[in-house]
Amino acid sequence: MATTHIRRDREARRELRRALDDLADAQRDAGVRDPAPRWWWIGTGLVVITALIAATLGVVAWIRAADAYTDDDFEAAASRVVGLLLSPDATAPQRVREILEDATGGFYDEFAQSADAYTAFVRRSGTVAAATIDGTGVATRTASSATVLVAATVGYRSDGQTDADRRFRLRVGVAEDAGRIKVAAVQYLP
């Protein structure tokens, strides 16, 4: 009995919806009713505009994220140059050129001025060193620059004799230059 009442109620509602739809169609055909209410067009327009703005902001954020450097990028650049700096080798004079290729700003200017003296000292002393980067960490950063702390151990050999290992801690400023991350400053820490 209850199911019969529910079935009849559902049928009556369907009939009512059909009748209302037929009435709306007849009114539109007769020109008495607008094809769609103005508020519907305004609401739809606002939804479309909001969706376009959200999509644009998403694309901009995605593009910026794709161009951003990671902490690993900054740490790798600092490690590479510190490794070259702390590994002088009298048999590898191209090291100076490699360091200058990865340098920019004040560090480039300072190192370029002393590059000849650095090379002459390494040749004269016959020093060979091997640096091991013990650890790195980004202390501060922006989208295109960072300050990286580097800990390194250097083993020296001079005239066939092995000296004791020395430990270094450095603060390295790295910055983007011509689409690459380069070292802009090096400071030895006590």
N, C-alpha and C. Protein backbone atom coordinates (compact mmCIF):
# COMPACT_ATOMS: atom_id res chain seq x y z
N MET A 1 0.80 -1.18 0.00
CA MET A 1 0.00 0.00 0.00
C MET A 1 0.86 1.26 0.00
N ALA A 2 1.89 1.29 0.83
CA ALA A 2 2.76 2.45 0.88
C ALA A 2 3.51 2.62 -0.43
N THR A 3 3.91 1.52 -1.03
CA THR A 3 4.63 1.62 -2.29
C THR A 3 3.73 2.13 -3.41
N THR A 4 2.47 1.84 -3.33
CA THR A 4 1.52 2.34 -4.33
C THR A 4 1.41 3.84 -4.23
N HIS A 5 1.34 4.38 -3.01
CA HIS A 5 1.25 5.84 -2.80
C HIS A 5 2.53 6.53 -3.28
N ILE A 6 3.66 5.91 -3.00
CA ILE A 6 4.95 6.50 -3.42
C ILE A 6 5.04 6.51 -4.93
N ARG A 7 4.60 5.41 -5.57
CA ARG A 7 4.64 5.34 -7.02
C ARG A 7 3.73 6.39 -7.64
N ARG A 8 2.55 6.57 -7.09
CA ARG A 8 1.60 7.57 -7.61
C ARG A 8 2.16 8.98 -7.41
N ASP A 9 2.79 9.23 -6.26
CA ASP A 9 3.37 10.55 -5.98
C ASP A 9 4.47 10.86 -6.99
N ARG A 10 5.32 9.90 -7.28
CA ARG A 10 6.41 10.10 -8.25
C ARG A 10 5.85 10.36 -9.64
N GLU A 11 4.84 9.62 -10.01
CA GLU A 11 4.21 9.81 -11.32
C GLU A 11 3.60 11.20 -11.42
N ALA A 12 2.97 11.64 -10.36
CA ALA A 12 2.34 12.98 -10.36
C ALA A 12 3.42 14.07 -10.49
N ARG A 13 4.54 13.89 -9.82
CA ARG A 13 5.62 14.89 -9.91
C ARG A 13 6.20 14.93 -11.34
N ARG A 14 6.36 13.77 -11.96
CA ARG A 14 6.85 13.74 -13.33
C ARG A 14 5.89 14.47 -14.26
N GLU A 15 4.60 14.23 -14.07
CA GLU A 15 3.58 14.90 -14.89
C GLU A 15 3.64 16.41 -14.68
N LEU A 16 3.83 16.83 -13.45
CA LEU A 16 3.91 18.26 -13.15
C LEU A 16 5.12 18.89 -13.83
N ARG A 17 6.29 18.22 -13.77
CA ARG A 17 7.51 18.73 -14.43
C ARG A 17 7.30 18.84 -15.93
N ARG A 18 6.70 17.81 -16.52
CA ARG A 18 6.43 17.84 -17.96
C ARG A 18 5.51 18.99 -18.31
N ALA A 19 4.49 19.19 -17.51
CA ALA A 19 3.53 20.27 -17.77
C ALA A 19 4.20 21.63 -17.66
N LEU A 20 5.06 21.81 -16.64
CA LEU A 20 5.77 23.09 -16.48
C LEU A 20 6.73 23.32 -17.65
N ASP A 21 7.42 22.28 -18.09
CA ASP A 21 8.32 22.42 -19.24
C ASP A 21 7.53 22.77 -20.50
N ASP A 22 6.37 22.11 -20.70
CA ASP A 22 5.54 22.42 -21.87
C ASP A 22 5.04 23.86 -21.81
N LEU A 23 4.65 24.32 -20.61
CA LEU A 23 4.18 25.70 -20.45
C LEU A 23 5.30 26.68 -20.78
N ALA A 24 6.54 26.42 -20.29
CA ALA A 24 7.66 27.31 -20.56
C ALA A 24 7.96 27.35 -22.05
N ASP A 25 7.90 26.18 -22.73
CA ASP A 25 8.13 26.13 -24.18
C ASP A 25 7.07 26.94 -24.92
N ALA A 26 5.83 26.80 -24.52
CA ALA A 26 4.74 27.52 -25.18
C ALA A 26 4.89 29.03 -24.97
N GLN A 27 5.29 29.45 -23.77
CA GLN A 27 5.48 30.88 -23.51
C GLN A 27 6.64 31.44 -24.34
N ARG A 28 7.75 30.68 -24.47
CA ARG A 28 8.88 31.13 -25.28
C ARG A 28 8.47 31.24 -26.75
N ASP A 29 7.71 30.24 -27.24
CA ASP A 29 7.25 30.26 -28.63
C ASP A 29 6.33 31.44 -28.88
N ALA A 30 5.53 31.82 -27.91
CA ALA A 30 4.58 32.92 -28.07
C ALA A 30 5.26 34.27 -27.85
N GLY A 31 6.53 34.27 -27.36
CA GLY A 31 7.25 35.51 -27.12
C GLY A 31 6.91 36.15 -25.79
N VAL A 32 6.20 35.46 -24.94
CA VAL A 32 5.82 36.00 -23.64
C VAL A 32 6.97 35.84 -22.64
N ARG A 33 7.80 34.87 -22.82
CA ARG A 33 8.87 34.57 -21.87
C ARG A 33 10.22 34.67 -22.58
N ASP A 34 11.26 35.25 -21.87
CA ASP A 34 12.62 35.32 -22.42
C ASP A 34 13.16 33.90 -22.55
N PRO A 35 14.00 33.68 -23.57
CA PRO A 35 14.59 32.36 -23.73
C PRO A 35 15.36 31.91 -22.48
N ALA A 36 16.06 32.81 -21.88
CA ALA A 36 16.76 32.49 -20.63
C ALA A 36 16.78 33.76 -19.79
N PRO A 37 16.58 33.65 -18.52
CA PRO A 37 16.56 34.84 -17.67
C PRO A 37 17.92 35.54 -17.66
N ARG A 38 17.90 36.86 -17.47
CA ARG A 38 19.14 37.65 -17.46
C ARG A 38 20.07 37.20 -16.34
N TRP A 39 19.52 36.89 -15.19
CA TRP A 39 20.38 36.47 -14.08
C TRP A 39 21.16 35.22 -14.42
N TRP A 40 20.57 34.37 -15.29
CA TRP A 40 21.28 33.15 -15.69
C TRP A 40 22.51 33.52 -16.52
N TRP A 41 22.36 34.47 -17.46
CA TRP A 41 23.48 34.90 -18.30
C TRP A 41 24.55 35.59 -17.44
N ILE A 42 24.14 36.39 -16.51
CA ILE A 42 25.10 37.09 -15.64
C ILE A 42 25.86 36.07 -14.79
N GLY A 43 25.15 35.15 -14.20
CA GLY A 43 25.80 34.12 -13.38
C GLY A 43 26.77 33.26 -14.19
N THR A 44 26.34 32.87 -15.39
CA THR A 44 27.20 32.08 -16.24
C THR A 44 28.45 32.86 -16.63
N GLY A 45 28.28 34.13 -16.95
CA GLY A 45 29.42 34.99 -17.29
C GLY A 45 30.41 35.10 -16.14
N LEU A 46 29.90 35.27 -14.94
CA LEU A 46 30.78 35.37 -13.77
C LEU A 46 31.55 34.07 -13.54
N VAL A 47 30.88 32.96 -13.73
CA VAL A 47 31.55 31.66 -13.55
C VAL A 47 32.66 31.49 -14.59
N VAL A 48 32.38 31.85 -15.84
CA VAL A 48 33.37 31.71 -16.90
C VAL A 48 34.57 32.63 -16.63
N ILE A 49 34.31 33.87 -16.25
CA ILE A 49 35.40 34.82 -15.96
C ILE A 49 36.24 34.33 -14.79
N THR A 50 35.59 33.84 -13.74
CA THR A 50 36.32 33.32 -12.59
C THR A 50 37.18 32.12 -12.98
N ALA A 51 36.65 31.24 -13.81
CA ALA A 51 37.40 30.07 -14.25
C ALA A 51 38.61 30.49 -15.10
N LEU A 52 38.45 31.47 -15.97
CA LEU A 52 39.56 31.96 -16.79
C LEU A 52 40.65 32.59 -15.93
N ILE A 53 40.28 33.38 -14.94
CA ILE A 53 41.26 34.00 -14.04
C ILE A 53 42.02 32.92 -13.27
N ALA A 54 41.31 31.95 -12.74
CA ALA A 54 41.96 30.87 -11.99
C ALA A 54 42.91 30.08 -12.89
N ALA A 55 42.50 29.80 -14.11
CA ALA A 55 43.36 29.07 -15.04
C ALA A 55 44.61 29.87 -15.38
N THR A 56 44.46 31.16 -15.60
CA THR A 56 45.60 32.03 -15.90
C THR A 56 46.58 32.07 -14.74
N LEU A 57 46.07 32.24 -13.54
CA LEU A 57 46.95 32.25 -12.37
C LEU A 57 47.66 30.92 -12.18
N GLY A 58 46.98 29.83 -12.45
CA GLY A 58 47.60 28.51 -12.35
C GLY A 58 48.72 28.34 -13.36
N VAL A 59 48.51 28.79 -14.59
CA VAL A 59 49.55 28.68 -15.62
C VAL A 59 50.76 29.53 -15.26
N VAL A 60 50.52 30.75 -14.78
CA VAL A 60 51.62 31.63 -14.37
C VAL A 60 52.42 31.00 -13.24
N ALA A 61 51.76 30.46 -12.25
CA ALA A 61 52.45 29.81 -11.13
C ALA A 61 53.24 28.59 -11.61
N TRP A 62 52.67 27.83 -12.52
CA TRP A 62 53.36 26.66 -13.06
C TRP A 62 54.62 27.06 -13.82
N ILE A 63 54.53 28.12 -14.64
CA ILE A 63 55.69 28.59 -15.40
C ILE A 63 56.78 29.08 -14.47
N ARG A 64 56.40 29.84 -13.45
CA ARG A 64 57.40 30.34 -12.50
C ARG A 64 58.06 29.20 -11.74
N ALA A 65 57.30 28.20 -11.37
CA ALA A 65 57.86 27.06 -10.65
C ALA A 65 58.82 26.27 -11.54
N ALA A 66 58.53 26.19 -12.82
CA ALA A 66 59.40 25.46 -13.74
C ALA A 66 60.74 26.17 -13.92
N ASP A 67 60.75 27.51 -13.83
CA ASP A 67 61.98 28.28 -14.00
C ASP A 67 62.77 28.43 -12.71
N ALA A 68 62.21 28.08 -11.58
CA ALA A 68 62.87 28.30 -10.30
C ALA A 68 63.97 27.27 -10.07
N TYR A 69 64.99 27.69 -9.34
CA TYR A 69 66.08 26.79 -8.98
C TYR A 69 65.75 26.14 -7.64
N THR A 70 66.27 24.93 -7.45
CA THR A 70 66.06 24.22 -6.21
C THR A 70 67.28 24.41 -5.31
N ASP A 71 67.14 24.03 -4.05
CA ASP A 71 68.28 24.09 -3.12
C ASP A 71 69.41 23.22 -3.65
N ASP A 72 69.07 22.07 -4.23
CA ASP A 72 70.10 21.18 -4.78
C ASP A 72 70.91 21.86 -5.88
N ASP A 73 70.25 22.67 -6.72
CA ASP A 73 70.95 23.39 -7.78
C ASP A 73 71.98 24.35 -7.18
N PHE A 74 71.57 25.11 -6.16
CA PHE A 74 72.48 26.05 -5.51
C PHE A 74 73.63 25.32 -4.82
N GLU A 75 73.32 24.23 -4.13
CA GLU A 75 74.36 23.47 -3.43
C GLU A 75 75.35 22.85 -4.40
N ALA A 76 74.87 22.35 -5.54
CA ALA A 76 75.75 21.74 -6.53
C ALA A 76 76.73 22.76 -7.11
N ALA A 77 76.23 23.96 -7.41
CA ALA A 77 77.10 25.00 -7.95
C ALA A 77 78.17 25.40 -6.94
N ALA A 78 77.77 25.58 -5.69
CA ALA A 78 78.74 25.95 -4.64
C ALA A 78 79.76 24.83 -4.43
N SER A 79 79.33 23.59 -4.39
CA SER A 79 80.23 22.46 -4.19
C SER A 79 81.24 22.33 -5.33
N ARG A 80 80.77 22.53 -6.55
CA ARG A 80 81.65 22.40 -7.71
C ARG A 80 82.80 23.41 -7.64
N VAL A 81 82.48 24.67 -7.37
CA VAL A 81 83.52 25.71 -7.35
C VAL A 81 84.42 25.56 -6.12
N VAL A 82 83.84 25.27 -4.97
CA VAL A 82 84.67 25.07 -3.77
C VAL A 82 85.61 23.89 -3.97
N GLY A 83 85.14 22.84 -4.58
CA GLY A 83 85.99 21.69 -4.87
C GLY A 83 87.17 22.07 -5.75
N LEU A 84 86.92 22.90 -6.77
CA LEU A 84 88.00 23.36 -7.65
C LEU A 84 88.96 24.29 -6.90
N LEU A 85 88.41 25.20 -6.11
CA LEU A 85 89.24 26.16 -5.36
C LEU A 85 90.18 25.46 -4.38
N LEU A 86 89.65 24.47 -3.68
CA LEU A 86 90.42 23.82 -2.63
C LEU A 86 91.22 22.62 -3.13
N SER A 87 91.26 22.42 -4.44
CA SER A 87 92.02 21.30 -5.01
C SER A 87 93.05 21.82 -6.02
N PRO A 88 94.02 22.63 -5.57
CA PRO A 88 95.02 23.11 -6.53
C PRO A 88 95.88 21.95 -7.02
N ASP A 89 96.26 22.04 -8.28
CA ASP A 89 97.09 20.98 -8.87
C ASP A 89 98.01 21.64 -9.88
N ALA A 90 99.33 21.52 -9.63
CA ALA A 90 100.33 22.14 -10.51
C ALA A 90 100.27 21.59 -11.92
N THR A 91 99.73 20.39 -12.08
CA THR A 91 99.66 19.78 -13.41
C THR A 91 98.36 20.09 -14.14
N ALA A 92 97.50 20.89 -13.53
CA ALA A 92 96.20 21.22 -14.15
C ALA A 92 95.97 22.73 -14.16
N PRO A 93 96.68 23.45 -15.04
CA PRO A 93 96.52 24.91 -15.07
C PRO A 93 95.14 25.37 -15.56
N GLN A 94 94.37 24.49 -16.18
CA GLN A 94 93.04 24.87 -16.67
C GLN A 94 92.04 25.07 -15.53
N ARG A 95 92.41 24.71 -14.32
CA ARG A 95 91.50 24.87 -13.17
C ARG A 95 91.09 26.33 -13.00
N VAL A 96 92.04 27.24 -13.22
CA VAL A 96 91.74 28.67 -13.08
C VAL A 96 90.63 29.05 -14.06
N ARG A 97 90.73 28.58 -15.29
CA ARG A 97 89.71 28.88 -16.29
C ARG A 97 88.36 28.29 -15.89
N GLU A 98 88.36 27.06 -15.35
CA GLU A 98 87.12 26.41 -14.92
C GLU A 98 86.47 27.20 -13.78
N ILE A 99 87.30 27.69 -12.85
CA ILE A 99 86.76 28.48 -11.74
C ILE A 99 86.14 29.77 -12.27
N LEU A 100 86.84 30.45 -13.18
CA LEU A 100 86.33 31.70 -13.73
C LEU A 100 85.05 31.50 -14.54
N GLU A 101 84.91 30.35 -15.19
CA GLU A 101 83.68 30.08 -15.95
C GLU A 101 82.47 29.95 -15.03
N ASP A 102 82.70 29.52 -13.79
CA ASP A 102 81.61 29.36 -12.83
C ASP A 102 81.55 30.48 -11.81
N ALA A 103 82.19 31.63 -12.13
CA ALA A 103 82.22 32.77 -11.21
C ALA A 103 81.51 33.96 -11.81
N THR A 104 81.03 34.85 -10.94
CA THR A 104 80.37 36.06 -11.37
C THR A 104 80.56 37.14 -10.31
N GLY A 105 80.23 38.37 -10.66
CA GLY A 105 80.24 39.46 -9.69
C GLY A 105 81.59 39.73 -9.07
N GLY A 106 81.57 40.06 -7.78
CA GLY A 106 82.77 40.41 -7.04
C GLY A 106 83.78 39.27 -6.99
N PHE A 107 83.31 38.06 -6.84
CA PHE A 107 84.23 36.92 -6.79
C PHE A 107 84.97 36.78 -8.11
N TYR A 108 84.28 36.96 -9.22
CA TYR A 108 84.93 36.87 -10.53
C TYR A 108 86.02 37.94 -10.63
N ASP A 109 85.69 39.17 -10.26
CA ASP A 109 86.65 40.27 -10.36
C ASP A 109 87.89 39.99 -9.50
N GLU A 110 87.68 39.57 -8.26
CA GLU A 110 88.80 39.31 -7.35
C GLU A 110 89.65 38.14 -7.83
N PHE A 111 89.02 37.06 -8.24
CA PHE A 111 89.78 35.88 -8.65
C PHE A 111 90.49 36.12 -9.97
N ALA A 112 89.87 36.84 -10.89
CA ALA A 112 90.51 37.13 -12.19
C ALA A 112 91.78 37.94 -11.98
N GLN A 113 91.76 38.87 -11.01
CA GLN A 113 92.94 39.69 -10.74
C GLN A 113 94.08 38.87 -10.13
N SER A 114 93.75 37.85 -9.35
CA SER A 114 94.78 37.08 -8.67
C SER A 114 95.02 35.72 -9.32
N ALA A 115 94.43 35.46 -10.46
CA ALA A 115 94.54 34.14 -11.11
C ALA A 115 95.97 33.81 -11.47
N ASP A 116 96.72 34.76 -12.00
CA ASP A 116 98.10 34.50 -12.38
C ASP A 116 98.95 34.19 -11.15
N ALA A 117 98.77 34.94 -10.09
CA ALA A 117 99.52 34.70 -8.85
C ALA A 117 99.16 33.34 -8.27
N TYR A 118 97.88 32.99 -8.32
CA TYR A 118 97.42 31.69 -7.82
C TYR A 118 98.10 30.56 -8.60
N THR A 119 98.09 30.67 -9.93
CA THR A 119 98.70 29.65 -10.77
C THR A 119 100.20 29.55 -10.53
N ALA A 120 100.87 30.70 -10.43
CA ALA A 120 102.32 30.71 -10.19
C ALA A 120 102.66 30.07 -8.85
N PHE A 121 101.88 30.37 -7.82
CA PHE A 121 102.14 29.80 -6.49
C PHE A 121 101.98 28.28 -6.52
N VAL A 122 100.93 27.81 -7.15
CA VAL A 122 100.67 26.37 -7.20
C VAL A 122 101.80 25.66 -7.96
N ARG A 123 102.24 26.24 -9.07
CA ARG A 123 103.33 25.63 -9.84
C ARG A 123 104.64 25.63 -9.04
N ARG A 124 104.94 26.77 -8.42
CA ARG A 124 106.19 26.92 -7.68
C ARG A 124 106.24 25.96 -6.50
N SER A 125 105.14 25.82 -5.78
CA SER A 125 105.15 24.97 -4.59
C SER A 125 104.97 23.50 -4.91
N GLY A 126 104.50 23.21 -6.11
CA GLY A 126 104.27 21.81 -6.48
C GLY A 126 103.15 21.17 -5.67
N THR A 127 102.27 21.99 -5.16
CA THR A 127 101.18 21.53 -4.30
C THR A 127 100.12 20.81 -5.11
N VAL A 128 99.71 19.69 -4.55
CA VAL A 128 98.57 18.96 -5.11
C VAL A 128 97.63 18.70 -3.93
N ALA A 129 96.38 19.05 -4.09
CA ALA A 129 95.42 18.84 -3.01
C ALA A 129 94.16 18.20 -3.57
N ALA A 130 93.51 17.47 -2.72
CA ALA A 130 92.24 16.85 -3.10
C ALA A 130 91.20 17.23 -2.05
N ALA A 131 90.19 17.95 -2.49
CA ALA A 131 89.13 18.38 -1.57
C ALA A 131 87.97 17.41 -1.61
N THR A 132 87.43 17.16 -0.44
CA THR A 132 86.22 16.36 -0.30
C THR A 132 85.16 17.24 0.34
N ILE A 133 84.03 17.38 -0.32
CA ILE A 133 82.94 18.17 0.24
C ILE A 133 82.21 17.30 1.25
N ASP A 134 82.27 17.72 2.52
CA ASP A 134 81.65 16.94 3.60
C ASP A 134 80.16 17.21 3.74
N GLY A 135 79.75 18.43 3.40
CA GLY A 135 78.33 18.75 3.52
C GLY A 135 78.04 20.15 3.02
N THR A 136 76.80 20.35 2.61
CA THR A 136 76.35 21.67 2.16
C THR A 136 74.96 21.91 2.71
N GLY A 137 74.62 23.18 2.81
CA GLY A 137 73.27 23.54 3.24
C GLY A 137 72.96 24.96 2.84
N VAL A 138 71.75 25.20 2.40
CA VAL A 138 71.33 26.55 2.02
C VAL A 138 70.94 27.30 3.27
N ALA A 139 71.60 28.44 3.51
CA ALA A 139 71.30 29.26 4.69
C ALA A 139 70.17 30.24 4.39
N THR A 140 70.25 30.92 3.26
CA THR A 140 69.20 31.83 2.82
C THR A 140 69.08 31.70 1.31
N ARG A 141 67.91 32.11 0.78
CA ARG A 141 67.74 32.04 -0.66
C ARG A 141 66.63 32.94 -1.15
N THR A 142 66.72 33.26 -2.42
CA THR A 142 65.65 33.90 -3.17
C THR A 142 65.41 33.02 -4.39
N ALA A 143 64.63 33.50 -5.33
CA ALA A 143 64.36 32.68 -6.52
C ALA A 143 65.61 32.49 -7.38
N SER A 144 66.54 33.48 -7.37
CA SER A 144 67.69 33.38 -8.27
C SER A 144 69.04 33.49 -7.56
N SER A 145 69.07 33.46 -6.24
CA SER A 145 70.34 33.51 -5.52
C SER A 145 70.19 32.82 -4.17
N ALA A 146 71.35 32.47 -3.59
CA ALA A 146 71.33 31.79 -2.28
C ALA A 146 72.67 31.96 -1.60
N THR A 147 72.67 31.75 -0.31
CA THR A 147 73.88 31.65 0.47
C THR A 147 73.98 30.20 0.92
N VAL A 148 75.08 29.55 0.54
CA VAL A 148 75.27 28.13 0.82
C VAL A 148 76.44 27.97 1.77
N LEU A 149 76.25 27.21 2.83
CA LEU A 149 77.33 26.88 3.75
C LEU A 149 77.95 25.56 3.28
N VAL A 150 79.28 25.54 3.19
CA VAL A 150 79.98 24.36 2.68
C VAL A 150 81.05 23.94 3.68
N ALA A 151 81.08 22.67 4.01
CA ALA A 151 82.14 22.09 4.84
C ALA A 151 82.95 21.16 3.96
N ALA A 152 84.30 21.30 4.03
CA ALA A 152 85.17 20.50 3.17
C ALA A 152 86.40 20.06 3.94
N THR A 153 86.96 18.95 3.52
CA THR A 153 88.22 18.45 4.04
C THR A 153 89.19 18.39 2.87
N VAL A 154 90.42 18.92 3.10
CA VAL A 154 91.41 18.96 2.03
C VAL A 154 92.65 18.20 2.48
N GLY A 155 93.08 17.27 1.64
CA GLY A 155 94.32 16.53 1.87
C GLY A 155 95.39 17.08 0.93
N TYR A 156 96.54 17.53 1.48
CA TYR A 156 97.60 18.15 0.69
C TYR A 156 98.78 17.21 0.51
N ARG A 157 99.43 17.35 -0.65
CA ARG A 157 100.72 16.71 -0.91
C ARG A 157 101.61 17.77 -1.50
N SER A 158 102.80 17.92 -0.95
CA SER A 158 103.72 18.92 -1.45
C SER A 158 105.09 18.28 -1.56
N ASP A 159 105.68 18.31 -2.73
CA ASP A 159 106.99 17.72 -2.99
C ASP A 159 107.06 16.28 -2.51
N GLY A 160 106.03 15.50 -2.77
CA GLY A 160 106.03 14.10 -2.43
C GLY A 160 105.67 13.78 -1.00
N GLN A 161 105.51 14.79 -0.15
CA GLN A 161 105.16 14.55 1.26
C GLN A 161 103.68 14.84 1.46
N THR A 162 103.06 14.03 2.31
CA THR A 162 101.65 14.22 2.61
C THR A 162 101.51 15.01 3.90
N ASP A 163 100.76 16.09 3.82
CA ASP A 163 100.48 16.91 5.00
C ASP A 163 99.18 16.44 5.64
N ALA A 164 98.95 16.89 6.85
CA ALA A 164 97.71 16.54 7.54
C ALA A 164 96.52 17.16 6.82
N ASP A 165 95.40 16.47 6.91
CA ASP A 165 94.16 17.01 6.33
C ASP A 165 93.76 18.29 7.05
N ARG A 166 93.18 19.20 6.28
CA ARG A 166 92.67 20.45 6.86
C ARG A 166 91.18 20.55 6.56
N ARG A 167 90.47 21.08 7.53
CA ARG A 167 89.01 21.25 7.37
C ARG A 167 88.70 22.73 7.14
N PHE A 168 87.76 22.96 6.24
CA PHE A 168 87.35 24.32 5.91
C PHE A 168 85.84 24.43 6.02
N ARG A 169 85.41 25.60 6.46
CA ARG A 169 83.99 25.96 6.42
C ARG A 169 83.91 27.26 5.65
N LEU A 170 83.00 27.30 4.70
CA LEU A 170 82.89 28.47 3.84
C LEU A 170 81.44 28.90 3.71
N ARG A 171 81.27 30.19 3.51
CA ARG A 171 79.96 30.76 3.17
C ARG A 171 80.09 31.18 1.72
N VAL A 172 79.26 30.59 0.86
CA VAL A 172 79.37 30.82 -0.58
C VAL A 172 78.09 31.48 -1.08
N GLY A 173 78.24 32.63 -1.72
CA GLY A 173 77.10 33.29 -2.35
C GLY A 173 77.00 32.82 -3.79
N VAL A 174 75.84 32.33 -4.17
CA VAL A 174 75.63 31.89 -5.55
C VAL A 174 74.46 32.67 -6.13
N ALA A 175 74.56 32.96 -7.42
CA ALA A 175 73.52 33.75 -8.09
C ALA A 175 73.42 33.33 -9.54
N GLU A 176 72.26 33.57 -10.11
CA GLU A 176 72.05 33.28 -11.52
C GLU A 176 72.76 34.34 -12.36
N ASP A 177 73.44 33.88 -13.40
CA ASP A 177 74.11 34.78 -14.33
C ASP A 177 74.04 34.14 -15.71
N ALA A 178 73.38 34.80 -16.62
CA ALA A 178 73.25 34.31 -17.99
C ALA A 178 72.64 32.91 -18.04
N GLY A 179 71.64 32.68 -17.21
CA GLY A 179 70.92 31.41 -17.23
C GLY A 179 71.61 30.27 -16.49
N ARG A 180 72.72 30.55 -15.81
CA ARG A 180 73.43 29.52 -15.04
C ARG A 180 73.65 30.03 -13.62
N ILE A 181 73.76 29.10 -12.70
CA ILE A 181 74.08 29.46 -11.32
C ILE A 181 75.59 29.50 -11.19
N LYS A 182 76.10 30.65 -10.72
CA LYS A 182 77.54 30.83 -10.57
C LYS A 182 77.84 31.35 -9.17
N VAL A 183 79.10 31.22 -8.76
CA VAL A 183 79.52 31.68 -7.45
C VAL A 183 79.81 33.19 -7.53
N ALA A 184 79.22 33.94 -6.61
CA ALA A 184 79.39 35.39 -6.58
C ALA A 184 80.26 35.86 -5.42
N ALA A 185 80.41 35.02 -4.39
CA ALA A 185 81.21 35.40 -3.22
C ALA A 185 81.62 34.15 -2.46
N VAL A 186 82.84 34.21 -1.89
CA VAL A 186 83.33 33.12 -1.06
C VAL A 186 83.94 33.73 0.19
N GLN A 187 83.52 33.23 1.34
CA GLN A 187 84.04 33.73 2.62
C GLN A 187 84.42 32.53 3.48
N TYR A 188 85.67 32.52 3.95
CA TYR A 188 86.12 31.47 4.88
C TYR A 188 85.58 31.77 6.25
N LEU A 189 85.08 30.76 6.93
CA LEU A 189 84.55 30.92 8.27
C LEU A 189 85.52 30.29 9.27
N PRO A 190 85.71 30.93 10.43
CA PRO A 190 86.62 30.36 11.42
C PRO A 190 86.06 29.09 12.04
